All heavy atoms as atom14 arrays in JSON, in Angstrom:
{
  "sequence": "AWFDDEIEVVGCSADQADDRLAAQLPGRRYDNSVTPDQAGTDQCVVA",
  "atom14_mask": [
    [1, 1, 1, 1, 1, 0, 0, 0, 0, 0, 0, 0, 0, 0],
    [1, 1, 1, 1, 1, 1, 1, 1, 1, 1, 1, 1, 1, 1],
    [1, 1, 1, 1, 1, 1, 1, 1, 1, 1, 1, 0, 0, 0],
    [1, 1, 1, 1, 1, 1, 1, 1, 0, 0, 0, 0, 0, 0],
    [1, 1, 1, 1, 1, 1, 1, 1, 0, 0, 0, 0, 0, 0],
    [1, 1, 1, 1, 1, 1, 1, 1, 1, 0, 0, 0, 0, 0],
    [1, 1, 1, 1, 1, 1, 1, 1, 0, 0, 0, 0, 0, 0],
    [1, 1, 1, 1, 1, 1, 1, 1, 1, 0, 0, 0, 0, 0],
    [1, 1, 1, 1, 1, 1, 1, 0, 0, 0, 0, 0, 0, 0],
    [1, 1, 1, 1, 1, 1, 1, 0, 0, 0, 0, 0, 0, 0],
    [1, 1, 1, 1, 0, 0, 0, 0, 0, 0, 0, 0, 0, 0],
    [1, 1, 1, 1, 1, 1, 0, 0, 0, 0, 0, 0, 0, 0],
    [1, 1, 1, 1, 1, 1, 0, 0, 0, 0, 0, 0, 0, 0],
    [1, 1, 1, 1, 1, 0, 0, 0, 0, 0, 0, 0, 0, 0],
    [1, 1, 1, 1, 1, 1, 1, 1, 0, 0, 0, 0, 0, 0],
    [1, 1, 1, 1, 1, 1, 1, 1, 1, 0, 0, 0, 0, 0],
    [1, 1, 1, 1, 1, 0, 0, 0, 0, 0, 0, 0, 0, 0],
    [1, 1, 1, 1, 1, 1, 1, 1, 0, 0, 0, 0, 0, 0],
    [1, 1, 1, 1, 1, 1, 1, 1, 0, 0, 0, 0, 0, 0],
    [1, 1, 1, 1, 1, 1, 1, 1, 1, 1, 1, 0, 0, 0],
    [1, 1, 1, 1, 1, 1, 1, 1, 0, 0, 0, 0, 0, 0],
    [1, 1, 1, 1, 1, 0, 0, 0, 0, 0, 0, 0, 0, 0],
    [1, 1, 1, 1, 1, 0, 0, 0, 0, 0, 0, 0, 0, 0],
    [1, 1, 1, 1, 1, 1, 1, 1, 1, 0, 0, 0, 0, 0],
    [1, 1, 1, 1, 1, 1, 1, 1, 0, 0, 0, 0, 0, 0],
    [1, 1, 1, 1, 1, 1, 1, 0, 0, 0, 0, 0, 0, 0],
    [1, 1, 1, 1, 0, 0, 0, 0, 0, 0, 0, 0, 0, 0],
    [1, 1, 1, 1, 1, 1, 1, 1, 1, 1, 1, 0, 0, 0],
    [1, 1, 1, 1, 1, 1, 1, 1, 1, 1, 1, 0, 0, 0],
    [1, 1, 1, 1, 1, 1, 1, 1, 1, 1, 1, 1, 0, 0],
    [1, 1, 1, 1, 1, 1, 1, 1, 0, 0, 0, 0, 0, 0],
    [1, 1, 1, 1, 1, 1, 1, 1, 0, 0, 0, 0, 0, 0],
    [1, 1, 1, 1, 1, 1, 0, 0, 0, 0, 0, 0, 0, 0],
    [1, 1, 1, 1, 1, 1, 1, 0, 0, 0, 0, 0, 0, 0],
    [1, 1, 1, 1, 1, 1, 1, 0, 0, 0, 0, 0, 0, 0],
    [1, 1, 1, 1, 1, 1, 1, 0, 0, 0, 0, 0, 0, 0],
    [1, 1, 1, 1, 1, 1, 1, 1, 0, 0, 0, 0, 0, 0],
    [1, 1, 1, 1, 1, 1, 1, 1, 1, 0, 0, 0, 0, 0],
    [1, 1, 1, 1, 1, 0, 0, 0, 0, 0, 0, 0, 0, 0],
    [1, 1, 1, 1, 0, 0, 0, 0, 0, 0, 0, 0, 0, 0],
    [1, 1, 1, 1, 1, 1, 1, 0, 0, 0, 0, 0, 0, 0],
    [1, 1, 1, 1, 1, 1, 1, 1, 0, 0, 0, 0, 0, 0],
    [1, 1, 1, 1, 1, 1, 1, 1, 1, 0, 0, 0, 0, 0],
    [1, 1, 1, 1, 1, 1, 0, 0, 0, 0, 0, 0, 0, 0],
    [1, 1, 1, 1, 1, 1, 1, 0, 0, 0, 0, 0, 0, 0],
    [1, 1, 1, 1, 1, 1, 1, 0, 0, 0, 0, 0, 0, 0],
    [1, 1, 1, 1, 1, 0, 0, 0, 0, 0, 0, 0, 0, 0]
  ],
  "atom14_positions": [
    [[0.81, -1.19, -0.03], [0.01, -0.07, 0.02], [0.86, 1.27, -0.03], [0.59, 2.25, -0.74], [-0.94, -0.04, 1.23], [0.0, 0.0, 0.0], [0.0, 0.0, 0.0], [0.0, 0.0, 0.0], [0.0, 0.0, 0.0], [0.0, 0.0, 0.0], [0.0, 0.0, 0.0], [0.0, 0.0, 0.0], [0.0, 0.0, 0.0], [0.0, 0.0, 0.0]],
    [[1.87, 1.31, 0.83], [2.71, 2.52, 0.94], [3.56, 2.78, -0.24], [3.78, 3.99, -0.54], [3.58, 2.35, 2.16], [2.97, 2.43, 3.48], [1.76, 3.01, 3.75], [3.28, 1.79, 4.68], [1.37, 2.8, 5.07], [2.35, 2.05, 5.65], [4.49, 1.08, 5.09], [2.53, 1.7, 7.09], [4.52, 0.66, 6.42], [3.5, 0.96, 7.35]],
    [[3.96, 1.79, -0.96], [4.86, 1.99, -2.12], [4.14, 1.71, -3.47], [4.78, 1.52, -4.56], [6.18, 1.19, -1.98], [7.05, 1.6, -0.82], [6.92, 0.96, 0.4], [7.82, 2.62, -0.95], [7.68, 1.38, 1.49], [8.66, 3.12, 0.01], [8.53, 2.39, 1.32], [0.0, 0.0, 0.0], [0.0, 0.0, 0.0], [0.0, 0.0, 0.0]],
    [[2.85, 1.79, -3.43], [2.02, 1.45, -4.61], [2.4, 2.37, -5.79], [2.33, 1.94, -6.98], [0.59, 1.54, -4.32], [-0.33, 1.43, -5.43], [-0.33, 0.16, -5.95], [-1.02, 2.29, -5.9], [0.0, 0.0, 0.0], [0.0, 0.0, 0.0], [0.0, 0.0, 0.0], [0.0, 0.0, 0.0], [0.0, 0.0, 0.0], [0.0, 0.0, 0.0]],
    [[2.75, 3.58, -5.55], [3.02, 4.49, -6.69], [4.34, 4.28, -7.37], [4.65, 4.91, -8.38], [2.96, 5.99, -6.24], [3.84, 6.33, -5.15], [4.51, 5.39, -4.51], [4.09, 7.48, -4.88], [0.0, 0.0, 0.0], [0.0, 0.0, 0.0], [0.0, 0.0, 0.0], [0.0, 0.0, 0.0], [0.0, 0.0, 0.0], [0.0, 0.0, 0.0]],
    [[5.26, 3.4, -6.76], [6.47, 3.18, -7.4], [6.85, 1.72, -7.66], [7.92, 1.43, -8.19], [7.67, 3.79, -6.55], [7.8, 3.28, -5.19], [8.82, 4.06, -4.33], [9.97, 3.66, -4.44], [8.43, 4.97, -3.63], [0.0, 0.0, 0.0], [0.0, 0.0, 0.0], [0.0, 0.0, 0.0], [0.0, 0.0, 0.0], [0.0, 0.0, 0.0]],
    [[5.95, 0.78, -7.3], [6.21, -0.61, -7.55], [5.04, -1.26, -8.31], [3.94, -0.82, -8.22], [6.51, -1.38, -6.33], [5.23, -1.41, -5.33], [7.68, -0.89, -5.55], [5.32, -2.26, -4.11], [0.0, 0.0, 0.0], [0.0, 0.0, 0.0], [0.0, 0.0, 0.0], [0.0, 0.0, 0.0], [0.0, 0.0, 0.0], [0.0, 0.0, 0.0]],
    [[5.42, -2.28, -9.09], [4.37, -3.16, -9.69], [4.66, -4.55, -9.0], [5.71, -5.15, -9.19], [4.58, -3.25, -11.15], [3.64, -4.32, -11.77], [3.92, -4.52, -13.25], [4.77, -3.91, -13.87], [3.37, -5.55, -13.76], [0.0, 0.0, 0.0], [0.0, 0.0, 0.0], [0.0, 0.0, 0.0], [0.0, 0.0, 0.0], [0.0, 0.0, 0.0]],
    [[3.77, -4.96, -8.2], [3.9, -6.29, -7.48], [3.54, -7.42, -8.34], [2.4, -7.62, -8.81], [3.02, -6.34, -6.19], [3.2, -7.67, -5.46], [3.39, -5.11, -5.3], [0.0, 0.0, 0.0], [0.0, 0.0, 0.0], [0.0, 0.0, 0.0], [0.0, 0.0, 0.0], [0.0, 0.0, 0.0], [0.0, 0.0, 0.0], [0.0, 0.0, 0.0]],
    [[4.52, -8.2, -8.8], [4.25, -9.38, -9.66], [3.68, -10.57, -8.87], [3.14, -11.43, -9.43], [5.6, -9.8, -10.32], [6.2, -8.69, -11.19], [6.67, -10.33, -9.4], [0.0, 0.0, 0.0], [0.0, 0.0, 0.0], [0.0, 0.0, 0.0], [0.0, 0.0, 0.0], [0.0, 0.0, 0.0], [0.0, 0.0, 0.0], [0.0, 0.0, 0.0]],
    [[3.87, -10.55, -7.6], [3.32, -11.5, -6.74], [3.9, -11.5, -5.29], [4.75, -10.65, -5.01], [0.0, 0.0, 0.0], [0.0, 0.0, 0.0], [0.0, 0.0, 0.0], [0.0, 0.0, 0.0], [0.0, 0.0, 0.0], [0.0, 0.0, 0.0], [0.0, 0.0, 0.0], [0.0, 0.0, 0.0], [0.0, 0.0, 0.0], [0.0, 0.0, 0.0]],
    [[3.48, -12.52, -4.55], [3.99, -12.63, -3.19], [4.36, -14.05, -2.95], [3.8, -14.97, -3.55], [2.96, -12.08, -2.08], [1.48, -13.04, -2.11], [0.0, 0.0, 0.0], [0.0, 0.0, 0.0], [0.0, 0.0, 0.0], [0.0, 0.0, 0.0], [0.0, 0.0, 0.0], [0.0, 0.0, 0.0], [0.0, 0.0, 0.0], [0.0, 0.0, 0.0]],
    [[5.24, -14.27, -2.03], [5.69, -15.66, -1.74], [5.69, -15.85, -0.21], [5.93, -14.9, 0.57], [7.02, -15.91, -2.31], [8.07, -15.25, -1.55], [0.0, 0.0, 0.0], [0.0, 0.0, 0.0], [0.0, 0.0, 0.0], [0.0, 0.0, 0.0], [0.0, 0.0, 0.0], [0.0, 0.0, 0.0], [0.0, 0.0, 0.0], [0.0, 0.0, 0.0]],
    [[5.44, -17.05, 0.18], [5.56, -17.55, 1.55], [5.51, -19.06, 1.54], [4.82, -19.67, 0.68], [4.42, -16.96, 2.44], [0.0, 0.0, 0.0], [0.0, 0.0, 0.0], [0.0, 0.0, 0.0], [0.0, 0.0, 0.0], [0.0, 0.0, 0.0], [0.0, 0.0, 0.0], [0.0, 0.0, 0.0], [0.0, 0.0, 0.0], [0.0, 0.0, 0.0]],
    [[6.17, -19.67, 2.56], [6.14, -21.1, 2.68], [4.71, -21.56, 3.08], [4.21, -22.64, 2.68], [7.17, -21.6, 3.69], [8.55, -21.68, 3.0], [8.58, -21.77, 1.75], [9.51, -21.59, 3.68], [0.0, 0.0, 0.0], [0.0, 0.0, 0.0], [0.0, 0.0, 0.0], [0.0, 0.0, 0.0], [0.0, 0.0, 0.0], [0.0, 0.0, 0.0]],
    [[4.05, -20.81, 4.02], [2.76, -21.16, 4.55], [1.9, -19.89, 4.49], [1.74, -19.24, 5.54], [2.84, -21.76, 5.95], [3.59, -23.06, 5.95], [3.69, -23.63, 7.34], [3.61, -22.92, 8.36], [3.82, -24.94, 7.49], [0.0, 0.0, 0.0], [0.0, 0.0, 0.0], [0.0, 0.0, 0.0], [0.0, 0.0, 0.0], [0.0, 0.0, 0.0]],
    [[1.44, -19.57, 3.34], [0.63, -18.26, 3.16], [-0.77, -18.45, 3.9], [-1.37, -19.49, 3.89], [0.43, -18.03, 1.69], [0.0, 0.0, 0.0], [0.0, 0.0, 0.0], [0.0, 0.0, 0.0], [0.0, 0.0, 0.0], [0.0, 0.0, 0.0], [0.0, 0.0, 0.0], [0.0, 0.0, 0.0], [0.0, 0.0, 0.0], [0.0, 0.0, 0.0]],
    [[-1.04, -17.4, 4.5], [-2.38, -17.23, 5.07], [-3.28, -16.82, 3.9], [-3.21, -15.7, 3.37], [-2.43, -16.19, 6.16], [-3.82, -15.98, 6.77], [-4.81, -16.08, 6.08], [-3.86, -15.79, 8.0], [0.0, 0.0, 0.0], [0.0, 0.0, 0.0], [0.0, 0.0, 0.0], [0.0, 0.0, 0.0], [0.0, 0.0, 0.0], [0.0, 0.0, 0.0]],
    [[-4.12, -17.77, 3.44], [-4.94, -17.53, 2.24], [-5.78, -16.24, 2.33], [-5.94, -15.55, 1.31], [-5.76, -18.76, 1.88], [-5.03, -19.94, 1.46], [-3.9, -19.77, 1.06], [-5.49, -21.08, 1.59], [0.0, 0.0, 0.0], [0.0, 0.0, 0.0], [0.0, 0.0, 0.0], [0.0, 0.0, 0.0], [0.0, 0.0, 0.0], [0.0, 0.0, 0.0]],
    [[-6.33, -16.01, 3.49], [-7.21, -14.87, 3.74], [-6.35, -13.53, 3.51], [-6.84, -12.61, 2.8], [-7.8, -14.87, 5.08], [-8.67, -13.62, 5.4], [-9.22, -13.73, 6.78], [-8.18, -13.75, 7.76], [-7.58, -12.53, 8.24], [-7.94, -11.43, 7.79], [-6.67, -12.69, 9.15], [0.0, 0.0, 0.0], [0.0, 0.0, 0.0], [0.0, 0.0, 0.0]],
    [[-5.12, -13.51, 4.07], [-4.32, -12.33, 3.93], [-3.76, -12.25, 2.5], [-3.67, -11.18, 1.91], [-3.26, -12.35, 4.96], [-3.71, -12.26, 6.41], [-2.53, -12.24, 7.27], [-4.6, -11.06, 6.68], [0.0, 0.0, 0.0], [0.0, 0.0, 0.0], [0.0, 0.0, 0.0], [0.0, 0.0, 0.0], [0.0, 0.0, 0.0], [0.0, 0.0, 0.0]],
    [[-3.26, -13.35, 2.03], [-2.69, -13.32, 0.68], [-3.61, -12.9, -0.39], [-3.21, -12.31, -1.39], [-2.09, -14.74, 0.35], [0.0, 0.0, 0.0], [0.0, 0.0, 0.0], [0.0, 0.0, 0.0], [0.0, 0.0, 0.0], [0.0, 0.0, 0.0], [0.0, 0.0, 0.0], [0.0, 0.0, 0.0], [0.0, 0.0, 0.0], [0.0, 0.0, 0.0]],
    [[-4.96, -13.12, -0.21], [-5.92, -12.78, -1.18], [-5.97, -11.24, -1.35], [-6.51, -10.73, -2.27], [-7.27, -13.28, -0.77], [0.0, 0.0, 0.0], [0.0, 0.0, 0.0], [0.0, 0.0, 0.0], [0.0, 0.0, 0.0], [0.0, 0.0, 0.0], [0.0, 0.0, 0.0], [0.0, 0.0, 0.0], [0.0, 0.0, 0.0], [0.0, 0.0, 0.0]],
    [[-5.48, -10.48, -0.33], [-5.49, -9.04, -0.36], [-4.27, -8.45, -1.06], [-4.13, -7.2, -1.18], [-5.61, -8.47, 1.1], [-6.85, -8.92, 1.79], [-6.87, -8.48, 3.22], [-6.41, -7.43, 3.55], [-7.34, -9.32, 4.16], [0.0, 0.0, 0.0], [0.0, 0.0, 0.0], [0.0, 0.0, 0.0], [0.0, 0.0, 0.0], [0.0, 0.0, 0.0]],
    [[-3.37, -9.35, -1.58], [-2.14, -8.89, -2.19], [-2.25, -9.07, -3.69], [-2.88, -9.99, -4.13], [-0.94, -9.69, -1.62], [-0.55, -9.33, -0.18], [0.36, -10.46, 0.45], [0.2, -8.0, -0.15], [0.0, 0.0, 0.0], [0.0, 0.0, 0.0], [0.0, 0.0, 0.0], [0.0, 0.0, 0.0], [0.0, 0.0, 0.0], [0.0, 0.0, 0.0]],
    [[-1.72, -8.18, -4.48], [-1.69, -8.4, -5.93], [-0.76, -9.39, -6.43], [0.14, -9.89, -5.74], [-1.2, -6.92, -6.41], [-0.34, -6.42, -5.36], [-0.92, -7.04, -4.0], [0.0, 0.0, 0.0], [0.0, 0.0, 0.0], [0.0, 0.0, 0.0], [0.0, 0.0, 0.0], [0.0, 0.0, 0.0], [0.0, 0.0, 0.0], [0.0, 0.0, 0.0]],
    [[-0.98, -9.84, -7.67], [-0.06, -10.76, -8.3], [-0.3, -12.23, -7.96], [-1.2, -12.49, -7.18], [0.0, 0.0, 0.0], [0.0, 0.0, 0.0], [0.0, 0.0, 0.0], [0.0, 0.0, 0.0], [0.0, 0.0, 0.0], [0.0, 0.0, 0.0], [0.0, 0.0, 0.0], [0.0, 0.0, 0.0], [0.0, 0.0, 0.0], [0.0, 0.0, 0.0]],
    [[0.61, -13.05, -8.44], [0.53, -14.48, -8.34], [1.05, -14.86, -6.85], [1.63, -14.08, -6.19], [1.47, -15.23, -9.26], [0.85, -15.28, -10.68], [1.72, -16.22, -11.49], [1.82, -17.49, -10.92], [2.62, -18.48, -11.39], [3.38, -18.27, -12.45], [2.66, -19.68, -10.75], [0.0, 0.0, 0.0], [0.0, 0.0, 0.0], [0.0, 0.0, 0.0]],
    [[0.66, -16.1, -6.42], [1.15, -16.58, -5.18], [2.2, -17.59, -5.48], [2.04, -18.42, -6.35], [0.0, -17.37, -4.39], [-1.21, -16.51, -4.22], [-0.97, -15.28, -3.34], [-2.21, -14.44, -3.38], [-2.29, -13.34, -3.96], [-1.2, -12.87, -4.65], [-3.35, -12.54, -4.01], [0.0, 0.0, 0.0], [0.0, 0.0, 0.0], [0.0, 0.0, 0.0]],
    [[3.36, -17.47, -4.76], [4.45, -18.41, -4.96], [4.87, -18.91, -3.6], [4.58, -18.36, -2.55], [5.68, -17.7, -5.48], [5.48, -17.02, -6.86], [5.17, -15.7, -7.03], [5.73, -17.79, -8.03], [5.03, -15.16, -8.24], [5.56, -17.17, -9.29], [5.2, -15.86, -9.45], [5.09, -15.3, -10.65], [0.0, 0.0, 0.0], [0.0, 0.0, 0.0]],
    [[5.6, -20.07, -3.61], [6.3, -20.42, -2.32], [7.74, -19.85, -2.39], [8.07, -19.19, -3.34], [6.29, -21.92, -2.1], [7.11, -22.74, -3.22], [8.04, -22.14, -3.8], [6.78, -23.93, -3.48], [0.0, 0.0, 0.0], [0.0, 0.0, 0.0], [0.0, 0.0, 0.0], [0.0, 0.0, 0.0], [0.0, 0.0, 0.0], [0.0, 0.0, 0.0]],
    [[8.47, -20.05, -1.37], [9.84, -19.35, -1.2], [10.87, -19.93, -2.06], [11.98, -19.5, -2.01], [10.15, -19.25, 0.29], [9.33, -18.22, 0.98], [8.83, -17.32, 0.41], [9.24, -18.37, 2.36], [0.0, 0.0, 0.0], [0.0, 0.0, 0.0], [0.0, 0.0, 0.0], [0.0, 0.0, 0.0], [0.0, 0.0, 0.0], [0.0, 0.0, 0.0]],
    [[10.49, -21.01, -2.85], [11.49, -21.54, -3.87], [11.35, -20.8, -5.16], [12.09, -21.24, -6.12], [11.27, -23.04, -3.97], [10.03, -23.25, -4.56], [0.0, 0.0, 0.0], [0.0, 0.0, 0.0], [0.0, 0.0, 0.0], [0.0, 0.0, 0.0], [0.0, 0.0, 0.0], [0.0, 0.0, 0.0], [0.0, 0.0, 0.0], [0.0, 0.0, 0.0]],
    [[10.55, -19.87, -5.27], [10.43, -19.15, -6.51], [11.73, -18.52, -7.06], [12.52, -18.04, -6.2], [9.3, -18.03, -6.49], [9.67, -17.01, -5.45], [9.01, -17.37, -7.84], [0.0, 0.0, 0.0], [0.0, 0.0, 0.0], [0.0, 0.0, 0.0], [0.0, 0.0, 0.0], [0.0, 0.0, 0.0], [0.0, 0.0, 0.0], [0.0, 0.0, 0.0]],
    [[11.92, -18.6, -8.37], [13.15, -18.09, -8.95], [12.85, -16.8, -9.69], [11.64, -16.52, -10.09], [13.78, -19.09, -9.91], [12.91, -19.22, -11.09], [14.02, -20.43, -9.29], [0.0, 0.0, 0.0], [0.0, 0.0, 0.0], [0.0, 0.0, 0.0], [0.0, 0.0, 0.0], [0.0, 0.0, 0.0], [0.0, 0.0, 0.0], [0.0, 0.0, 0.0]],
    [[13.88, -15.93, -9.93], [13.62, -14.76, -10.72], [13.04, -15.04, -12.11], [12.17, -14.32, -12.64], [15.03, -14.1, -10.81], [15.72, -14.58, -9.54], [15.23, -15.96, -9.4], [0.0, 0.0, 0.0], [0.0, 0.0, 0.0], [0.0, 0.0, 0.0], [0.0, 0.0, 0.0], [0.0, 0.0, 0.0], [0.0, 0.0, 0.0], [0.0, 0.0, 0.0]],
    [[13.44, -16.14, -12.75], [13.0, -16.44, -14.1], [11.44, -16.75, -14.0], [10.69, -16.4, -14.87], [13.69, -17.72, -14.62], [15.08, -17.46, -15.1], [15.37, -16.22, -15.33], [15.81, -18.36, -15.33], [0.0, 0.0, 0.0], [0.0, 0.0, 0.0], [0.0, 0.0, 0.0], [0.0, 0.0, 0.0], [0.0, 0.0, 0.0], [0.0, 0.0, 0.0]],
    [[10.97, -17.47, -12.93], [9.59, -17.76, -12.76], [8.75, -16.45, -12.58], [7.59, -16.35, -13.02], [9.34, -18.71, -11.65], [9.86, -20.08, -11.87], [9.97, -21.01, -10.64], [10.12, -20.48, -9.52], [9.79, -22.33, -10.83], [0.0, 0.0, 0.0], [0.0, 0.0, 0.0], [0.0, 0.0, 0.0], [0.0, 0.0, 0.0], [0.0, 0.0, 0.0]],
    [[9.31, -15.53, -11.76], [8.56, -14.32, -11.43], [8.66, -13.27, -12.47], [7.84, -12.26, -12.5], [9.06, -13.82, -10.06], [0.0, 0.0, 0.0], [0.0, 0.0, 0.0], [0.0, 0.0, 0.0], [0.0, 0.0, 0.0], [0.0, 0.0, 0.0], [0.0, 0.0, 0.0], [0.0, 0.0, 0.0], [0.0, 0.0, 0.0], [0.0, 0.0, 0.0]],
    [[9.67, -13.34, -13.36], [9.84, -12.29, -14.35], [10.51, -11.04, -13.86], [10.49, -9.95, -14.49], [0.0, 0.0, 0.0], [0.0, 0.0, 0.0], [0.0, 0.0, 0.0], [0.0, 0.0, 0.0], [0.0, 0.0, 0.0], [0.0, 0.0, 0.0], [0.0, 0.0, 0.0], [0.0, 0.0, 0.0], [0.0, 0.0, 0.0], [0.0, 0.0, 0.0]],
    [[11.24, -11.19, -12.69], [11.98, -10.08, -12.14], [12.97, -10.62, -11.14], [12.7, -11.69, -10.67], [11.17, -9.02, -11.44], [11.94, -7.97, -10.9], [10.29, -9.57, -10.31], [0.0, 0.0, 0.0], [0.0, 0.0, 0.0], [0.0, 0.0, 0.0], [0.0, 0.0, 0.0], [0.0, 0.0, 0.0], [0.0, 0.0, 0.0], [0.0, 0.0, 0.0]],
    [[14.09, -9.94, -10.97], [15.05, -10.4, -9.94], [15.07, -9.55, -8.69], [15.89, -9.6, -7.83], [16.44, -10.56, -10.51], [17.07, -9.21, -10.86], [16.35, -8.13, -10.79], [18.27, -9.16, -11.2], [0.0, 0.0, 0.0], [0.0, 0.0, 0.0], [0.0, 0.0, 0.0], [0.0, 0.0, 0.0], [0.0, 0.0, 0.0], [0.0, 0.0, 0.0]],
    [[13.97, -8.62, -8.56], [13.94, -7.72, -7.47], [12.88, -8.21, -6.45], [11.78, -8.5, -6.8], [13.53, -6.39, -7.96], [14.43, -5.76, -9.02], [15.8, -5.36, -8.52], [15.92, -4.54, -7.74], [16.8, -6.06, -9.02], [0.0, 0.0, 0.0], [0.0, 0.0, 0.0], [0.0, 0.0, 0.0], [0.0, 0.0, 0.0], [0.0, 0.0, 0.0]],
    [[13.29, -8.23, -5.19], [12.3, -8.65, -4.16], [12.52, -7.84, -2.87], [13.59, -7.23, -2.63], [12.45, -10.16, -3.82], [13.83, -10.64, -2.8], [0.0, 0.0, 0.0], [0.0, 0.0, 0.0], [0.0, 0.0, 0.0], [0.0, 0.0, 0.0], [0.0, 0.0, 0.0], [0.0, 0.0, 0.0], [0.0, 0.0, 0.0], [0.0, 0.0, 0.0]],
    [[11.41, -7.78, -2.04], [11.56, -7.14, -0.77], [11.06, -8.17, 0.26], [10.05, -8.91, 0.02], [10.69, -5.87, -0.68], [9.16, -6.14, -0.88], [10.89, -5.14, 0.62], [0.0, 0.0, 0.0], [0.0, 0.0, 0.0], [0.0, 0.0, 0.0], [0.0, 0.0, 0.0], [0.0, 0.0, 0.0], [0.0, 0.0, 0.0], [0.0, 0.0, 0.0]],
    [[11.78, -8.29, 1.35], [11.43, -9.21, 2.39], [10.6, -8.49, 3.45], [11.15, -7.7, 4.2], [12.66, -9.82, 3.02], [12.32, -10.84, 4.15], [13.52, -10.57, 1.97], [0.0, 0.0, 0.0], [0.0, 0.0, 0.0], [0.0, 0.0, 0.0], [0.0, 0.0, 0.0], [0.0, 0.0, 0.0], [0.0, 0.0, 0.0], [0.0, 0.0, 0.0]],
    [[9.27, -8.7, 3.41], [8.35, -7.99, 4.29], [7.83, -8.99, 5.31], [6.61, -9.33, 5.34], [7.3, -7.34, 3.41], [0.0, 0.0, 0.0], [0.0, 0.0, 0.0], [0.0, 0.0, 0.0], [0.0, 0.0, 0.0], [0.0, 0.0, 0.0], [0.0, 0.0, 0.0], [0.0, 0.0, 0.0], [0.0, 0.0, 0.0], [0.0, 0.0, 0.0]]
  ]
}
């Protein structure tokens, strides 16, 4: 929400995502084994 004007979120990742919370996030859902090739970017933020 805070950085919406400068980022495009391609997805979010978590080993055990809370489906209710993850549904409020943009993009695809990944586990933490996701690679840059799969996501289409090599930039991530650990939140």
